[in-house]
Amino acid sequence: MSSLEERQSTFESKFAHDEELIFKTNAKITKLFGLWVAEQLELDGAEAESYAEQLVMHDLLEPGFQDVLDKAAKDLPDIPMTRLELELEKCQNIVHNELNIDTAE
């Protein structure tokens, strides 16, 4: 294999790894947020886990977290969107701290 092919292969492997890490991180954030939403809905145990998993699946519909926020807003009509955004941001910070991800870019 030529050096150019090796570099290309290394780059492609790194890109795939980075994308997988982003996907898993976003799923973890969404699940944590989903558990918070479930708590607001007074769900617990298996029902809370199920709701959080459904929210993770819902997040696959569109890039970003707007679809998750929209679903949460629909499910929690008495909670302002700004509060939902704040809670999602808290979840992002928790997961980023757990994974030692530097968010300063």
Protein backbone atom coordinates (compact mmCIF):
# COMPACT_ATOMS: atom_id res chain seq x y z
CA MET A 1 0.00 0.00 0.00
CA SER A 2 1.38 3.40 -0.93
CA SER A 3 1.91 6.09 1.66
CA LEU A 4 -0.96 8.13 0.15
CA GLU A 5 -3.32 5.15 0.41
CA GLU A 6 -2.20 4.55 4.01
CA ARG A 7 -2.87 8.18 4.93
CA GLN A 8 -6.27 8.04 3.25
CA SER A 9 -7.16 4.85 5.07
CA THR A 10 -6.04 6.34 8.39
CA PHE A 11 -8.08 9.48 7.74
CA GLU A 12 -11.17 7.46 6.84
CA SER A 13 -10.82 5.33 9.98
CA LYS A 14 -10.44 8.42 12.16
CA PHE A 15 -13.45 10.07 10.50
CA ALA A 16 -15.59 6.96 11.10
CA HIS A 17 -14.45 6.78 14.72
CA ASP A 18 -15.18 10.48 15.30
CA GLU A 19 -18.66 10.18 13.77
CA GLU A 20 -19.42 7.15 15.94
CA LEU A 21 -18.27 9.06 19.02
CA ILE A 22 -20.52 12.01 18.12
CA PHE A 23 -23.47 9.67 17.57
CA LYS A 24 -22.98 7.88 20.89
CA THR A 25 -22.45 11.16 22.75
CA ASN A 26 -25.63 12.67 21.31
CA ALA A 27 -27.58 9.51 22.15
CA LYS A 28 -26.33 9.68 25.74
CA ILE A 29 -27.30 13.37 26.00
CA THR A 30 -30.74 12.67 24.58
CA LYS A 31 -31.30 9.74 26.92
CA LEU A 32 -30.33 11.80 29.97
CA PHE A 33 -32.65 14.59 28.81
CA GLY A 34 -35.37 12.01 28.15
CA LEU A 35 -35.06 10.76 31.73
CA TRP A 36 -35.47 14.34 32.96
CA VAL A 37 -38.58 14.79 30.76
CA ALA A 38 -39.93 11.45 32.03
CA GLU A 39 -39.47 12.67 35.60
CA GLN A 40 -41.50 15.80 34.75
CA LEU A 41 -44.18 13.50 33.33
CA GLU A 42 -44.07 11.57 36.61
CA LEU A 43 -42.89 8.40 34.92
CA ASP A 44 -40.50 6.11 36.74
CA GLY A 45 -38.69 2.84 36.33
CA ALA A 46 -39.33 1.01 33.09
CA GLU A 47 -41.74 3.69 31.85
CA ALA A 48 -39.09 6.39 32.27
CA GLU A 49 -36.45 4.24 30.54
CA SER A 50 -38.86 3.50 27.70
CA TYR A 51 -39.69 7.18 27.23
CA ALA A 52 -35.99 8.09 27.19
CA GLU A 53 -35.24 5.38 24.61
CA GLN A 54 -38.15 6.57 22.45
CA LEU A 55 -36.72 10.08 22.59
CA VAL A 56 -33.32 8.76 21.47
CA MET A 57 -35.02 7.09 18.49
CA HIS A 58 -36.95 10.30 17.79
CA ASP A 59 -33.64 12.19 17.70
CA LEU A 60 -32.63 10.19 14.63
CA LEU A 61 -35.24 12.01 12.54
CA GLU A 62 -33.24 15.22 12.11
CA PRO A 63 -29.72 16.43 12.81
CA GLY A 64 -29.31 18.40 16.02
CA PHE A 65 -31.51 18.46 19.08
CA GLN A 66 -34.38 20.62 17.83
CA ASP A 67 -36.58 17.60 17.14
CA VAL A 68 -35.98 16.40 20.71
CA LEU A 69 -36.85 19.81 22.12
CA ASP A 70 -39.99 19.99 19.97
CA LYS A 71 -41.18 16.58 21.20
CA ALA A 72 -40.44 17.51 24.82
CA ALA A 73 -42.34 20.79 24.36
CA LYS A 74 -45.31 18.87 22.97
CA ASP A 75 -45.21 16.40 25.87
CA LEU A 76 -44.67 19.16 28.47
CA PRO A 77 -46.81 22.06 27.23
CA ASP A 78 -46.66 23.88 30.59
CA ILE A 79 -42.85 24.12 30.59
CA PRO A 80 -41.40 27.00 28.54
CA MET A 81 -39.01 26.16 25.69
CA THR A 82 -36.27 28.19 27.40
CA ARG A 83 -36.45 25.85 30.41
CA LEU A 84 -36.27 22.80 28.14
CA GLU A 85 -33.25 24.26 26.35
CA LEU A 86 -31.58 24.93 29.69
CA GLU A 87 -32.18 21.35 30.85
CA LEU A 88 -30.82 19.98 27.57
CA GLU A 89 -27.74 22.17 27.95
CA LYS A 90 -27.26 20.79 31.48
CA CYS A 91 -27.43 17.26 30.06
CA GLN A 92 -24.86 18.17 27.41
CA ASN A 93 -22.52 19.54 30.07
CA ILE A 94 -22.92 16.43 32.25
CA VAL A 95 -22.14 14.07 29.38
CA HIS A 96 -19.25 16.18 28.07
CA ASN A 97 -17.75 16.28 31.58
CA GLU A 98 -18.17 12.50 31.96
CA LEU A 99 -16.42 11.94 28.65
CA ASN A 100 -13.85 14.72 29.19
CA ILE A 101 -14.93 16.49 26.01
CA ASP A 102 -13.68 20.05 25.70
CA THR A 103 -16.58 22.17 24.47
CA ALA A 104 -14.56 25.37 24.08
CA GLU A 105 -14.09 25.76 20.34
